[in-house]
Protein backbone atom coordinates (compact mmCIF):
# COMPACT_ATOMS: atom_id res chain seq x y z
CA MET A 1 34.33 31.00 -29.47
CA GLU A 2 34.92 29.42 -26.13
CA PRO A 3 33.80 25.87 -25.39
CA GLU A 4 30.76 25.04 -23.09
CA ASN A 5 31.69 24.22 -19.64
CA PRO A 6 29.11 21.66 -18.26
CA GLU A 7 29.92 22.69 -14.69
CA ASN A 8 28.99 26.27 -15.30
CA MET A 9 25.75 25.43 -17.35
CA GLU A 10 22.65 26.60 -15.37
CA PHE A 11 19.61 24.16 -15.34
CA ASP A 12 16.06 24.71 -14.32
CA ALA A 13 15.73 22.87 -10.89
CA SER A 14 13.85 19.52 -11.05
CA PRO A 15 11.35 18.87 -8.49
CA ASN A 16 13.48 15.92 -7.28
CA ASP A 17 16.39 18.42 -6.56
CA THR A 18 14.34 21.12 -4.55
CA GLY A 19 13.94 20.58 -0.87
CA GLY A 20 10.98 19.06 0.92
CA VAL A 21 8.43 20.49 3.35
CA GLU A 22 10.11 21.98 6.39
CA ASP A 23 13.30 19.80 6.98
CA THR A 24 12.28 16.88 5.22
CA LEU A 25 14.67 15.33 2.80
CA ARG A 26 14.44 15.97 -1.17
CA PRO A 27 12.97 13.16 -2.96
CA MET A 28 16.22 11.92 -4.43
CA GLU A 29 17.85 11.81 -0.98
CA ALA A 30 14.76 10.10 0.65
CA THR A 31 15.33 6.78 -0.86
CA ASP A 32 19.19 7.05 -0.53
CA SER A 33 20.29 4.67 2.30
CA ASP A 34 23.24 6.73 3.02
CA ASP A 35 21.22 9.69 3.40
CA VAL A 36 18.83 8.03 5.94
CA ARG A 37 21.55 6.93 8.05
CA ASN A 38 21.46 3.31 7.15
CA GLU A 39 25.16 2.49 7.47
CA ASP A 40 25.31 -0.99 6.26
CA GLY A 41 23.24 -0.42 3.03
CA ASP A 42 19.83 -1.50 2.19
CA GLU A 43 18.46 -4.19 4.51
CA VAL A 44 16.87 -6.82 2.73
CA VAL A 45 14.32 -9.52 4.25
CA ASP A 46 14.70 -13.04 2.91
CA PRO A 47 11.49 -14.75 2.18
CA PRO A 48 10.51 -18.11 3.90
CA GLU A 49 11.37 -21.32 2.44
CA GLN A 50 8.01 -22.42 2.40
CA TRP A 51 4.59 -20.71 2.55
CA ALA A 52 2.67 -23.31 4.66
CA ALA A 53 -0.15 -21.16 5.53
CA ALA A 54 -1.09 -20.38 1.92
CA ASP A 55 -0.55 -23.99 0.66
CA HIS A 56 -3.42 -25.78 2.14
CA ILE A 57 -7.16 -25.41 1.88
CA ALA A 58 -9.08 -25.11 5.26
CA ALA A 59 -11.20 -28.22 6.30
CA GLU A 60 -14.71 -27.24 7.09
CA PRO A 61 -15.45 -27.97 10.65
CA GLU A 62 -18.18 -30.50 11.65
CA GLY A 63 -21.81 -29.35 11.07
CA GLU A 64 -23.33 -27.64 8.09
CA SER A 65 -21.60 -27.40 4.78
CA LEU A 66 -21.02 -24.28 2.83
CA ASP A 67 -23.80 -25.13 0.55
CA GLU A 68 -26.06 -25.73 3.24
CA LYS A 69 -25.18 -22.34 4.94
CA LEU A 70 -25.73 -20.46 1.50
CA ALA A 71 -28.99 -22.17 0.89
CA ALA A 72 -30.01 -21.08 4.49
CA GLU A 73 -29.61 -17.35 3.72
CA ARG A 74 -32.54 -15.03 3.33
CA PRO A 75 -32.23 -12.08 1.30
CA GLU A 76 -33.10 -8.74 2.88
CA ASP A 77 -36.53 -7.18 1.61
CA GLY A 78 -35.38 -3.60 2.39
CA SER A 79 -38.95 -2.68 3.82
CA SER A 80 -37.53 -2.33 7.31
CA GLU A 81 -37.51 1.53 7.97
CA ASP A 82 -34.74 1.21 10.42
CA ASP A 83 -32.12 -0.79 8.33
CA GLY A 84 -29.14 0.03 10.77
CA SER A 85 -27.52 2.43 8.12
CA ILE A 86 -26.33 5.65 9.46
CA PHE A 87 -27.15 7.26 6.16
CA PRO A 88 -30.62 8.27 5.25
CA VAL A 89 -32.46 6.92 2.21
CA VAL A 90 -32.75 9.61 -0.43
CA GLU A 91 -35.58 8.72 -2.79
């Protein structure tokens, strides 16, 4: 009996090994930096040292507080025929 030769074995084509639509890369090649002509490897972006914009709470401008603004809100009653919606109301 002859030993199996892995180089001559036939395998079913994996979806990752088949070509993409028209001239697009196969999925396995599309993520390889060498195949997308990125000669210096994968480029990474270093995060900033401080996230200053996300670390502070915005101060309320002079005038009404948020609680006062919310208390002044009035719920819509829905009785208006033209509510500004582009979709008809189906009853």
